[in-house]
Every structure is written in structure tokens, then in C-alpha cells.
Amino acid sequence: MIIKSTPIYLASKSPRRKVLLKQLNIKFKVFSVECDESLKKNESLIQTVKRISLVKLDAAKKIHNDGIIITADTLVVLDNEIIGKPKNKKDAVRILKKLSNNTHKVYTGFSVYNALKNITVTDYEKTLVTFKKLSGSEIKNYVNTGSPLDKAGAYGIQDDFGAVFVKKINGCYNNVMGLPLFKVYNAILRVE
């Protein structure tokens, strides 16, 4: 990657986004921001994830304003219902039962901002994920690992056991983990 000496910051609490960004073989620092991630009426899912990535960017600019900042927001959607992180193990079981034998969508909006040039690229990615029919014991065993509790949709496509739930995907695998690397990489090149 042809990245100059511009500092790069990932404004995210997600350990998965950090792992993904490391694949670009760039040096970056991670910090988190607090902001309003509430949904708005009459806003499309694409508008929502892009808007929230920009809200996070505004909060991030108050902390670092000397390099390139990357923010993102991911939503899991089944039948027009947004499925967030489970509240507890019981909720994780409920969510996984809904996803079982169905196809859901994963949307990630992201923003890449170069403070030195005052350039922002905001975009999104959508991936379709089809789950196999899950047995009650598969769901219970996976939930008992604790892994689903911090993930939207109550699963991680990269998890040791969660990965076997995914029958097929149509779109970007990395997007399902929370950061569409291809588009983010190209956005970094555009703002650099």
C-alpha cells in the first residue's frame, strides 16, 4: 500500500475492525468515540449506516484532527427488521433462531477523512448472508461460548463455530465482519 507518513486512526470499539485494518499492512492507532447512533424514521438502511459513520467521524475529529480518520457502522437486517447485539444469552438464542434457514443483509457505512486536506469519502457495502438450518444444540453450544453477545446479529462469520452457520454469502466477506476492506482501502487512496 502506498501510504505516506500521514497518521491513520481507526475510531472504533470493534476488535474485528482492528484485525481487518491490520490486513492493509499500515500503521494506525485505535480509539473509540461515543455518539448518538439512534435510527431515524423514513431513512433507508443505506442512509442510516452512512449517516452514523459521519456522526462518529464528527465525534472523532474532536479527538484527532491531524491525519486520516476511519469510522464505520454496521447493521444486520432480516425482513426489514434491524437486528442489533443481543441483550443476553436468551436474546442471542432468539436471534439465531430467526436467522436460521434465512437470508439476511449486512450493511456497513464508512467514512474516511483526511484532516490535512479536508477531504471525506463516505460509502457503504451490502452483503447477503444465508444461514443453514440450525439445530437447537448448535445454537445453544455457540451461545454458551459467549462469542455472540458482542456482535450485531448474534454471530461472527469469523468465529470458530459461527462460521459453519453460513451456508453462502453474496458480496463482501469482510463487510460481514464490519469493514469492507476493498472499498475502505480505495477510499484511503482517494483522500491521501
N, C-alpha and C. Protein backbone atom coordinates (compact mmCIF):
# COMPACT_ATOMS: atom_id res chain seq x y z
N MET A 1 0.84 -1.19 0.00
CA MET A 1 0.00 0.00 0.00
C MET A 1 0.88 1.24 0.00
N ILE A 2 0.51 2.21 -0.77
CA ILE A 2 1.28 3.44 -0.88
C ILE A 2 0.68 4.49 0.06
N ILE A 3 0.99 4.36 1.33
CA ILE A 3 0.51 5.35 2.30
C ILE A 3 1.71 6.18 2.73
N LYS A 4 1.56 7.47 2.66
CA LYS A 4 2.64 8.36 3.08
C LYS A 4 2.73 8.35 4.60
N SER A 5 3.36 9.31 5.16
CA SER A 5 3.56 9.33 6.61
C SER A 5 2.39 9.94 7.37
N THR A 6 1.26 10.11 6.71
CA THR A 6 0.08 10.66 7.37
C THR A 6 -0.39 9.71 8.46
N PRO A 7 -0.59 10.19 9.70
CA PRO A 7 -1.12 9.30 10.75
C PRO A 7 -2.51 8.80 10.38
N ILE A 8 -2.78 7.55 10.71
CA ILE A 8 -4.09 6.96 10.43
C ILE A 8 -4.71 6.52 11.75
N TYR A 9 -6.00 6.82 11.90
CA TYR A 9 -6.73 6.49 13.12
C TYR A 9 -7.99 5.71 12.77
N LEU A 10 -8.24 4.67 13.52
CA LEU A 10 -9.49 3.92 13.41
C LEU A 10 -10.31 4.26 14.64
N ALA A 11 -11.43 4.94 14.44
CA ALA A 11 -12.31 5.32 15.54
C ALA A 11 -13.37 4.24 15.69
N SER A 12 -13.07 3.21 16.46
CA SER A 12 -13.98 2.08 16.59
C SER A 12 -13.67 1.28 17.84
N LYS A 13 -14.73 0.74 18.46
CA LYS A 13 -14.57 -0.16 19.60
C LYS A 13 -14.43 -1.60 19.14
N SER A 14 -14.68 -1.86 17.87
CA SER A 14 -14.73 -3.23 17.35
C SER A 14 -13.34 -3.84 17.20
N PRO A 15 -13.08 -4.93 17.93
CA PRO A 15 -11.79 -5.61 17.74
C PRO A 15 -11.68 -6.22 16.34
N ARG A 16 -12.82 -6.55 15.73
CA ARG A 16 -12.78 -7.14 14.39
C ARG A 16 -12.36 -6.12 13.34
N ARG A 17 -12.78 -4.87 13.49
CA ARG A 17 -12.34 -3.85 12.54
C ARG A 17 -10.84 -3.62 12.64
N LYS A 18 -10.33 -3.69 13.84
CA LYS A 18 -8.88 -3.54 14.05
C LYS A 18 -8.12 -4.66 13.33
N VAL A 19 -8.59 -5.89 13.48
CA VAL A 19 -7.97 -7.04 12.82
C VAL A 19 -8.01 -6.87 11.31
N LEU A 20 -9.16 -6.43 10.80
CA LEU A 20 -9.30 -6.26 9.36
C LEU A 20 -8.36 -5.17 8.83
N LEU A 21 -8.30 -4.04 9.51
CA LEU A 21 -7.45 -2.94 9.03
C LEU A 21 -5.97 -3.33 9.05
N LYS A 22 -5.57 -4.19 9.97
CA LYS A 22 -4.18 -4.68 10.01
C LYS A 22 -3.81 -5.40 8.72
N GLN A 23 -4.80 -5.97 8.04
CA GLN A 23 -4.52 -6.68 6.79
C GLN A 23 -4.01 -5.75 5.69
N LEU A 24 -4.23 -4.46 5.84
CA LEU A 24 -3.74 -3.50 4.85
C LEU A 24 -2.26 -3.17 5.05
N ASN A 25 -1.68 -3.73 6.11
CA ASN A 25 -0.25 -3.55 6.40
C ASN A 25 0.12 -2.07 6.54
N ILE A 26 -0.72 -1.35 7.29
CA ILE A 26 -0.46 0.06 7.58
C ILE A 26 -0.41 0.25 9.09
N LYS A 27 0.30 1.27 9.50
CA LYS A 27 0.33 1.61 10.91
C LYS A 27 -0.85 2.51 11.22
N PHE A 28 -1.54 2.21 12.31
CA PHE A 28 -2.69 3.03 12.70
C PHE A 28 -2.88 2.93 14.20
N LYS A 29 -3.59 3.91 14.73
CA LYS A 29 -3.94 3.92 16.14
C LYS A 29 -5.45 3.78 16.26
N VAL A 30 -5.88 3.18 17.36
CA VAL A 30 -7.30 2.94 17.58
C VAL A 30 -7.78 3.74 18.78
N PHE A 31 -8.94 4.33 18.64
CA PHE A 31 -9.60 4.99 19.77
C PHE A 31 -11.10 4.86 19.55
N SER A 32 -11.87 5.08 20.59
CA SER A 32 -13.32 4.96 20.43
C SER A 32 -14.00 6.30 20.69
N VAL A 33 -15.20 6.42 20.14
CA VAL A 33 -15.99 7.63 20.32
C VAL A 33 -17.37 7.24 20.80
N GLU A 34 -17.99 8.16 21.52
CA GLU A 34 -19.39 7.99 21.96
C GLU A 34 -20.23 8.97 21.16
N CYS A 35 -21.33 8.48 20.60
CA CYS A 35 -22.21 9.37 19.84
C CYS A 35 -23.60 8.76 19.75
N ASP A 36 -24.52 9.54 19.24
CA ASP A 36 -25.90 9.10 19.08
C ASP A 36 -26.01 8.22 17.84
N GLU A 37 -26.34 6.95 18.05
CA GLU A 37 -26.48 6.01 16.93
C GLU A 37 -27.94 5.64 16.71
N SER A 38 -28.84 6.50 17.14
CA SER A 38 -30.27 6.17 17.02
C SER A 38 -30.72 6.23 15.56
N LEU A 39 -31.77 5.48 15.30
CA LEU A 39 -32.33 5.40 13.95
C LEU A 39 -33.30 6.56 13.75
N LYS A 40 -33.51 6.93 12.50
CA LYS A 40 -34.46 7.99 12.17
C LYS A 40 -35.56 7.43 11.28
N LYS A 41 -36.77 7.92 11.47
CA LYS A 41 -37.89 7.49 10.64
C LYS A 41 -37.66 7.90 9.19
N ASN A 42 -38.19 7.11 8.28
CA ASN A 42 -38.14 7.38 6.84
C ASN A 42 -36.72 7.50 6.28
N GLU A 43 -35.78 6.85 6.94
CA GLU A 43 -34.41 6.86 6.46
C GLU A 43 -34.09 5.44 5.98
N SER A 44 -33.52 5.32 4.80
CA SER A 44 -33.17 3.99 4.30
C SER A 44 -32.00 3.43 5.12
N LEU A 45 -31.81 2.14 5.03
CA LEU A 45 -30.71 1.50 5.76
C LEU A 45 -29.36 2.03 5.28
N ILE A 46 -29.26 2.27 3.98
CA ILE A 46 -28.01 2.82 3.43
C ILE A 46 -27.77 4.22 3.99
N GLN A 47 -28.82 5.04 4.00
CA GLN A 47 -28.68 6.39 4.57
C GLN A 47 -28.30 6.32 6.05
N THR A 48 -28.87 5.36 6.76
CA THR A 48 -28.61 5.23 8.20
C THR A 48 -27.14 4.91 8.47
N VAL A 49 -26.60 3.87 7.82
CA VAL A 49 -25.21 3.49 8.12
C VAL A 49 -24.22 4.56 7.67
N LYS A 50 -24.52 5.24 6.57
CA LYS A 50 -23.64 6.32 6.14
C LYS A 50 -23.71 7.50 7.11
N ARG A 51 -24.94 7.85 7.53
CA ARG A 51 -25.10 8.98 8.46
C ARG A 51 -24.40 8.69 9.79
N ILE A 52 -24.57 7.49 10.31
CA ILE A 52 -23.95 7.18 11.61
C ILE A 52 -22.43 7.17 11.49
N SER A 53 -21.90 6.72 10.35
CA SER A 53 -20.44 6.78 10.19
C SER A 53 -19.96 8.23 10.19
N LEU A 54 -20.77 9.14 9.64
CA LEU A 54 -20.43 10.56 9.65
C LEU A 54 -20.58 11.18 11.05
N VAL A 55 -21.58 10.74 11.80
CA VAL A 55 -21.74 11.20 13.19
C VAL A 55 -20.53 10.78 14.01
N LYS A 56 -20.10 9.53 13.81
CA LYS A 56 -18.89 9.05 14.50
C LYS A 56 -17.66 9.85 14.07
N LEU A 57 -17.61 10.19 12.79
CA LEU A 57 -16.48 10.99 12.29
C LEU A 57 -16.45 12.36 12.95
N ASP A 58 -17.61 13.01 13.07
CA ASP A 58 -17.65 14.31 13.75
C ASP A 58 -17.12 14.22 15.17
N ALA A 59 -17.50 13.15 15.88
CA ALA A 59 -17.00 12.96 17.24
C ALA A 59 -15.50 12.67 17.25
N ALA A 60 -15.05 11.90 16.26
CA ALA A 60 -13.62 11.54 16.19
C ALA A 60 -12.75 12.76 15.89
N LYS A 61 -13.24 13.69 15.08
CA LYS A 61 -12.48 14.89 14.73
C LYS A 61 -12.16 15.73 15.97
N LYS A 62 -12.99 15.62 16.99
CA LYS A 62 -12.76 16.37 18.22
C LYS A 62 -11.61 15.79 19.03
N ILE A 63 -11.23 14.55 18.72
CA ILE A 63 -10.14 13.89 19.45
C ILE A 63 -8.84 13.94 18.64
N HIS A 64 -8.93 13.64 17.35
CA HIS A 64 -7.75 13.68 16.47
C HIS A 64 -8.12 14.46 15.22
N ASN A 65 -7.30 15.40 14.87
CA ASN A 65 -7.56 16.17 13.65
C ASN A 65 -6.25 16.44 12.91
N ASP A 66 -5.41 15.39 12.87
CA ASP A 66 -4.09 15.58 12.26
C ASP A 66 -3.72 14.50 11.26
N GLY A 67 -4.69 13.74 10.80
CA GLY A 67 -4.35 12.66 9.86
C GLY A 67 -5.59 12.14 9.18
N ILE A 68 -5.57 10.83 8.91
CA ILE A 68 -6.70 10.17 8.27
C ILE A 68 -7.48 9.42 9.34
N ILE A 69 -8.78 9.66 9.39
CA ILE A 69 -9.66 9.01 10.37
C ILE A 69 -10.64 8.10 9.62
N ILE A 70 -10.81 6.89 10.15
CA ILE A 70 -11.74 5.93 9.56
C ILE A 70 -12.81 5.60 10.60
N THR A 71 -14.08 5.70 10.20
CA THR A 71 -15.20 5.31 11.07
C THR A 71 -16.12 4.38 10.29
N ALA A 72 -16.92 3.61 11.02
CA ALA A 72 -17.84 2.69 10.35
C ALA A 72 -19.02 2.36 11.26
N ASP A 73 -20.10 1.93 10.62
CA ASP A 73 -21.27 1.47 11.35
C ASP A 73 -21.88 0.30 10.57
N THR A 74 -22.22 -0.78 11.28
CA THR A 74 -22.75 -1.98 10.64
C THR A 74 -24.13 -2.32 11.20
N LEU A 75 -25.04 -2.68 10.29
CA LEU A 75 -26.37 -3.14 10.67
C LEU A 75 -26.64 -4.50 10.05
N VAL A 76 -27.27 -5.37 10.83
CA VAL A 76 -27.74 -6.66 10.34
C VAL A 76 -29.26 -6.56 10.23
N VAL A 77 -29.80 -6.97 9.07
CA VAL A 77 -31.22 -6.77 8.79
C VAL A 77 -31.85 -8.06 8.25
N LEU A 78 -32.96 -8.46 8.85
CA LEU A 78 -33.74 -9.61 8.37
C LEU A 78 -35.18 -9.15 8.19
N ASP A 79 -35.69 -9.30 6.98
CA ASP A 79 -37.08 -8.91 6.69
C ASP A 79 -37.39 -7.50 7.17
N ASN A 80 -36.51 -6.56 6.84
CA ASN A 80 -36.65 -5.14 7.20
C ASN A 80 -36.58 -4.86 8.70
N GLU A 81 -36.20 -5.84 9.51
CA GLU A 81 -36.02 -5.64 10.95
C GLU A 81 -34.53 -5.57 11.25
N ILE A 82 -34.11 -4.50 11.90
CA ILE A 82 -32.71 -4.36 12.28
C ILE A 82 -32.46 -5.23 13.50
N ILE A 83 -31.43 -6.07 13.39
CA ILE A 83 -31.09 -6.99 14.48
C ILE A 83 -29.76 -6.53 15.09
N GLY A 84 -29.85 -5.99 16.28
CA GLY A 84 -28.65 -5.49 16.94
C GLY A 84 -27.94 -6.57 17.72
N LYS A 85 -27.15 -6.11 18.68
CA LYS A 85 -26.44 -7.04 19.56
C LYS A 85 -27.45 -7.63 20.55
N PRO A 86 -27.29 -8.90 20.89
CA PRO A 86 -28.22 -9.49 21.86
C PRO A 86 -28.04 -8.89 23.25
N LYS A 87 -29.15 -8.82 23.98
CA LYS A 87 -29.11 -8.27 25.35
C LYS A 87 -28.49 -9.26 26.33
N ASN A 88 -28.67 -10.55 26.04
CA ASN A 88 -28.18 -11.61 26.91
C ASN A 88 -28.20 -12.93 26.12
N LYS A 89 -27.89 -14.04 26.79
CA LYS A 89 -27.84 -15.33 26.11
C LYS A 89 -29.20 -15.74 25.55
N LYS A 90 -30.26 -15.49 26.30
CA LYS A 90 -31.60 -15.84 25.84
C LYS A 90 -31.94 -15.09 24.56
N ASP A 91 -31.58 -13.81 24.50
CA ASP A 91 -31.83 -13.00 23.32
C ASP A 91 -30.99 -13.49 22.14
N ALA A 92 -29.76 -13.92 22.41
CA ALA A 92 -28.90 -14.47 21.35
C ALA A 92 -29.53 -15.72 20.73
N VAL A 93 -30.10 -16.56 21.57
CA VAL A 93 -30.79 -17.77 21.08
C VAL A 93 -31.96 -17.36 20.18
N ARG A 94 -32.74 -16.39 20.63
CA ARG A 94 -33.89 -15.91 19.85
C ARG A 94 -33.45 -15.39 18.49
N ILE A 95 -32.39 -14.60 18.46
CA ILE A 95 -31.90 -14.03 17.21
C ILE A 95 -31.41 -15.12 16.26
N LEU A 96 -30.63 -16.06 16.78
CA LEU A 96 -30.09 -17.12 15.92
C LEU A 96 -31.20 -18.01 15.36
N LYS A 97 -32.26 -18.22 16.13
CA LYS A 97 -33.41 -18.98 15.63
C LYS A 97 -34.06 -18.25 14.45
N LYS A 98 -34.11 -16.91 14.54
CA LYS A 98 -34.70 -16.11 13.44
C LYS A 98 -33.83 -16.19 12.18
N LEU A 99 -32.51 -16.15 12.37
CA LEU A 99 -31.59 -16.17 11.23
C LEU A 99 -31.50 -17.55 10.60
N SER A 100 -31.79 -18.60 11.37
CA SER A 100 -31.71 -19.98 10.90
C SER A 100 -32.53 -20.19 9.63
N ASN A 101 -31.86 -20.77 8.62
CA ASN A 101 -32.52 -21.13 7.37
C ASN A 101 -33.09 -19.91 6.62
N ASN A 102 -32.50 -18.74 6.83
CA ASN A 102 -32.93 -17.50 6.19
C ASN A 102 -31.74 -16.75 5.61
N THR A 103 -32.05 -15.77 4.76
CA THR A 103 -31.01 -14.88 4.23
C THR A 103 -31.22 -13.50 4.82
N HIS A 104 -30.16 -12.96 5.41
CA HIS A 104 -30.23 -11.61 5.96
C HIS A 104 -29.21 -10.72 5.23
N LYS A 105 -29.31 -9.43 5.49
CA LYS A 105 -28.42 -8.46 4.85
C LYS A 105 -27.54 -7.81 5.91
N VAL A 106 -26.30 -7.54 5.52
CA VAL A 106 -25.37 -6.81 6.39
C VAL A 106 -24.97 -5.55 5.64
N TYR A 107 -25.25 -4.40 6.25
CA TYR A 107 -24.89 -3.10 5.69
C TYR A 107 -23.80 -2.48 6.56
N THR A 108 -22.76 -1.98 5.92
CA THR A 108 -21.76 -1.20 6.64
C THR A 108 -21.56 0.12 5.91
N GLY A 109 -21.74 1.20 6.65
CA GLY A 109 -21.41 2.53 6.14
C GLY A 109 -20.07 2.91 6.73
N PHE A 110 -19.25 3.60 5.96
CA PHE A 110 -17.95 4.03 6.48
C PHE A 110 -17.59 5.41 5.95
N SER A 111 -16.75 6.08 6.71
CA SER A 111 -16.21 7.38 6.29
C SER A 111 -14.71 7.37 6.48
N VAL A 112 -14.02 7.95 5.52
CA VAL A 112 -12.56 8.10 5.58
C VAL A 112 -12.29 9.59 5.35
N TYR A 113 -11.61 10.19 6.31
CA TYR A 113 -11.42 11.65 6.30
C TYR A 113 -9.94 11.99 6.44
N ASN A 114 -9.45 12.86 5.58
CA ASN A 114 -8.08 13.37 5.69
C ASN A 114 -8.17 14.79 6.22
N ALA A 115 -7.76 14.98 7.46
CA ALA A 115 -7.85 16.29 8.12
C ALA A 115 -6.94 17.32 7.46
N LEU A 116 -5.81 16.89 6.95
CA LEU A 116 -4.86 17.82 6.36
C LEU A 116 -5.36 18.39 5.04
N LYS A 117 -6.15 17.61 4.32
CA LYS A 117 -6.69 18.06 3.03
C LYS A 117 -8.18 18.39 3.09
N ASN A 118 -8.80 18.12 4.23
CA ASN A 118 -10.24 18.33 4.42
C ASN A 118 -11.06 17.62 3.34
N ILE A 119 -10.72 16.34 3.13
CA ILE A 119 -11.41 15.51 2.14
C ILE A 119 -12.06 14.34 2.88
N THR A 120 -13.35 14.07 2.57
CA THR A 120 -14.06 12.94 3.17
C THR A 120 -14.66 12.08 2.07
N VAL A 121 -14.49 10.77 2.21
CA VAL A 121 -15.18 9.81 1.36
C VAL A 121 -16.11 9.00 2.26
N THR A 122 -17.38 8.98 1.93
CA THR A 122 -18.36 8.19 2.68
C THR A 122 -19.03 7.23 1.69
N ASP A 123 -19.10 5.96 2.07
CA ASP A 123 -19.67 4.96 1.18
C ASP A 123 -20.27 3.84 2.04
N TYR A 124 -20.75 2.79 1.38
CA TYR A 124 -21.34 1.67 2.10
C TYR A 124 -21.12 0.39 1.31
N GLU A 125 -21.37 -0.72 1.98
CA GLU A 125 -21.36 -2.03 1.34
C GLU A 125 -22.53 -2.83 1.86
N LYS A 126 -23.09 -3.68 1.00
CA LYS A 126 -24.20 -4.56 1.40
C LYS A 126 -23.84 -5.98 1.02
N THR A 127 -24.02 -6.91 1.95
CA THR A 127 -23.74 -8.32 1.71
C THR A 127 -24.94 -9.15 2.14
N LEU A 128 -25.29 -10.14 1.33
CA LEU A 128 -26.36 -11.08 1.68
C LEU A 128 -25.73 -12.32 2.30
N VAL A 129 -26.27 -12.75 3.44
CA VAL A 129 -25.73 -13.91 4.15
C VAL A 129 -26.86 -14.91 4.36
N THR A 130 -26.64 -16.14 3.90
CA THR A 130 -27.64 -17.20 4.06
C THR A 130 -27.17 -18.20 5.10
N PHE A 131 -28.00 -18.41 6.12
CA PHE A 131 -27.69 -19.39 7.17
C PHE A 131 -28.30 -20.75 6.81
N LYS A 132 -27.63 -21.79 7.22
CA LYS A 132 -28.22 -23.13 7.14
C LYS A 132 -29.28 -23.25 8.23
N LYS A 133 -30.03 -24.33 8.22
CA LYS A 133 -30.99 -24.58 9.29
C LYS A 133 -30.20 -25.01 10.52
N LEU A 134 -30.34 -24.26 11.59
CA LEU A 134 -29.58 -24.53 12.81
C LEU A 134 -30.38 -25.40 13.76
N SER A 135 -29.69 -26.35 14.37
CA SER A 135 -30.34 -27.17 15.39
C SER A 135 -30.30 -26.43 16.72
N GLY A 136 -31.18 -26.82 17.62
CA GLY A 136 -31.19 -26.21 18.95
C GLY A 136 -29.88 -26.38 19.67
N SER A 137 -29.25 -27.55 19.52
CA SER A 137 -27.97 -27.78 20.21
C SER A 137 -26.84 -26.95 19.61
N GLU A 138 -26.87 -26.72 18.28
CA GLU A 138 -25.86 -25.86 17.66
C GLU A 138 -25.97 -24.44 18.20
N ILE A 139 -27.19 -23.95 18.28
CA ILE A 139 -27.40 -22.60 18.80
C ILE A 139 -26.95 -22.51 20.25
N LYS A 140 -27.36 -23.47 21.07
CA LYS A 140 -27.02 -23.46 22.50
C LYS A 140 -25.51 -23.53 22.70
N ASN A 141 -24.84 -24.42 21.98
CA ASN A 141 -23.39 -24.57 22.12
C ASN A 141 -22.66 -23.28 21.73
N TYR A 142 -23.12 -22.66 20.66
CA TYR A 142 -22.47 -21.43 20.20
C TYR A 142 -22.71 -20.29 21.19
N VAL A 143 -23.94 -20.14 21.65
CA VAL A 143 -24.26 -19.08 22.60
C VAL A 143 -23.46 -19.26 23.89
N ASN A 144 -23.26 -20.50 24.30
CA ASN A 144 -22.51 -20.77 25.53
C ASN A 144 -21.03 -20.40 25.43
N THR A 145 -20.53 -20.20 24.21
CA THR A 145 -19.14 -19.74 24.07
C THR A 145 -19.02 -18.27 24.47
N GLY A 146 -20.15 -17.55 24.49
CA GLY A 146 -20.14 -16.13 24.82
C GLY A 146 -19.84 -15.24 23.62
N SER A 147 -19.37 -15.82 22.54
CA SER A 147 -18.97 -15.04 21.37
C SER A 147 -20.08 -14.20 20.76
N PRO A 148 -21.32 -14.70 20.68
CA PRO A 148 -22.37 -13.91 20.02
C PRO A 148 -22.81 -12.66 20.77
N LEU A 149 -22.44 -12.53 22.02
CA LEU A 149 -23.01 -11.48 22.86
C LEU A 149 -22.57 -10.07 22.51
N ASP A 150 -21.45 -9.91 21.80
CA ASP A 150 -20.99 -8.55 21.48
C ASP A 150 -21.07 -8.25 19.98
N LYS A 151 -21.92 -9.03 19.28
CA LYS A 151 -21.98 -8.88 17.83
C LYS A 151 -23.40 -8.63 17.35
N ALA A 152 -23.55 -7.67 16.44
CA ALA A 152 -24.84 -7.47 15.79
C ALA A 152 -25.21 -8.75 15.06
N GLY A 153 -26.45 -9.18 15.22
CA GLY A 153 -26.88 -10.43 14.60
C GLY A 153 -26.53 -11.66 15.40
N ALA A 154 -25.85 -11.49 16.52
CA ALA A 154 -25.50 -12.57 17.45
C ALA A 154 -24.61 -13.65 16.84
N TYR A 155 -23.78 -13.27 15.86
CA TYR A 155 -22.82 -14.24 15.33
C TYR A 155 -21.63 -13.51 14.73
N GLY A 156 -20.54 -14.23 14.62
CA GLY A 156 -19.36 -13.74 13.92
C GLY A 156 -19.01 -14.71 12.82
N ILE A 157 -18.98 -14.24 11.59
CA ILE A 157 -18.67 -15.12 10.46
C ILE A 157 -17.26 -15.69 10.59
N GLN A 158 -16.41 -15.00 11.36
CA GLN A 158 -15.03 -15.43 11.53
C GLN A 158 -14.84 -16.35 12.73
N ASP A 159 -15.88 -16.55 13.53
CA ASP A 159 -15.77 -17.37 14.74
C ASP A 159 -15.53 -18.83 14.39
N ASP A 160 -14.86 -19.53 15.31
CA ASP A 160 -14.56 -20.94 15.11
C ASP A 160 -15.81 -21.74 14.80
N PHE A 161 -16.90 -21.50 15.51
CA PHE A 161 -18.10 -22.28 15.27
C PHE A 161 -19.16 -21.50 14.51
N GLY A 162 -19.20 -20.18 14.70
CA GLY A 162 -20.19 -19.36 14.00
C GLY A 162 -20.04 -19.43 12.49
N ALA A 163 -18.84 -19.68 12.02
CA ALA A 163 -18.58 -19.74 10.58
C ALA A 163 -19.37 -20.87 9.90
N VAL A 164 -19.62 -21.97 10.61
CA VAL A 164 -20.31 -23.10 9.98
C VAL A 164 -21.80 -22.84 9.81
N PHE A 165 -22.33 -21.79 10.40
CA PHE A 165 -23.74 -21.46 10.22
C PHE A 165 -24.00 -20.86 8.83
N VAL A 166 -22.96 -20.27 8.24
CA VAL A 166 -23.11 -19.53 6.99
C VAL A 166 -23.04 -20.49 5.81
N LYS A 167 -24.17 -20.68 5.17
CA LYS A 167 -24.27 -21.56 4.01
C LYS A 167 -23.64 -20.91 2.79
N LYS A 168 -23.93 -19.60 2.60
CA LYS A 168 -23.31 -18.86 1.50
C LYS A 168 -23.41 -17.37 1.75
N ILE A 169 -22.54 -16.63 1.07
CA ILE A 169 -22.63 -15.18 1.11
C ILE A 169 -22.61 -14.66 -0.32
N ASN A 170 -23.27 -13.54 -0.51
CA ASN A 170 -23.27 -12.87 -1.80
C ASN A 170 -22.79 -11.45 -1.53
N GLY A 171 -21.52 -11.21 -1.81
CA GLY A 171 -20.94 -9.90 -1.55
C GLY A 171 -19.63 -10.02 -0.80
N CYS A 172 -19.30 -8.98 -0.08
CA CYS A 172 -18.00 -8.84 0.60
C CYS A 172 -17.99 -9.56 1.95
N TYR A 173 -17.11 -10.54 2.09
CA TYR A 173 -16.94 -11.27 3.35
C TYR A 173 -16.52 -10.32 4.48
N ASN A 174 -15.54 -9.46 4.19
CA ASN A 174 -15.04 -8.55 5.23
C ASN A 174 -16.11 -7.60 5.74
N ASN A 175 -17.06 -7.27 4.88
CA ASN A 175 -18.18 -6.42 5.29
C ASN A 175 -18.97 -7.08 6.42
N VAL A 176 -19.14 -8.39 6.34
CA VAL A 176 -19.89 -9.11 7.36
C VAL A 176 -19.13 -9.04 8.70
N MET A 177 -17.82 -8.93 8.65
CA MET A 177 -17.02 -8.76 9.87
C MET A 177 -17.06 -7.31 10.37
N GLY A 178 -17.47 -6.37 9.50
CA GLY A 178 -17.63 -5.00 9.97
C GLY A 178 -16.87 -3.93 9.24
N LEU A 179 -16.08 -4.31 8.20
CA LEU A 179 -15.33 -3.28 7.47
C LEU A 179 -15.04 -3.78 6.06
N PRO A 180 -15.69 -3.20 5.04
CA PRO A 180 -15.45 -3.64 3.66
C PRO A 180 -14.08 -3.16 3.18
N LEU A 181 -13.07 -3.99 3.35
CA LEU A 181 -11.68 -3.58 3.15
C LEU A 181 -11.39 -3.04 1.76
N PHE A 182 -11.94 -3.66 0.73
CA PHE A 182 -11.67 -3.20 -0.63
C PHE A 182 -12.06 -1.73 -0.79
N LYS A 183 -13.27 -1.41 -0.37
CA LYS A 183 -13.75 -0.02 -0.53
C LYS A 183 -13.02 0.93 0.42
N VAL A 184 -12.72 0.48 1.63
CA VAL A 184 -12.02 1.34 2.59
C VAL A 184 -10.61 1.65 2.08
N TYR A 185 -9.92 0.62 1.58
CA TYR A 185 -8.57 0.80 1.03
C TYR A 185 -8.59 1.84 -0.09
N ASN A 186 -9.53 1.70 -1.01
CA ASN A 186 -9.61 2.65 -2.12
C ASN A 186 -10.00 4.05 -1.65
N ALA A 187 -10.80 4.14 -0.60
CA ALA A 187 -11.14 5.45 -0.04
C ALA A 187 -9.92 6.10 0.58
N ILE A 188 -9.07 5.33 1.24
CA ILE A 188 -7.83 5.87 1.81
C ILE A 188 -6.97 6.43 0.70
N LEU A 189 -6.84 5.68 -0.38
CA LEU A 189 -6.04 6.16 -1.52
C LEU A 189 -6.62 7.45 -2.11
N ARG A 190 -7.93 7.56 -2.12
CA ARG A 190 -8.58 8.76 -2.68
C ARG A 190 -8.35 10.00 -1.83
N VAL A 191 -8.30 9.86 -0.51
CA VAL A 191 -8.15 11.03 0.35
C VAL A 191 -6.69 11.36 0.63
N GLU A 192 -5.82 10.43 0.37
CA GLU A 192 -4.41 10.60 0.73
C GLU A 192 -3.74 11.76 0.00
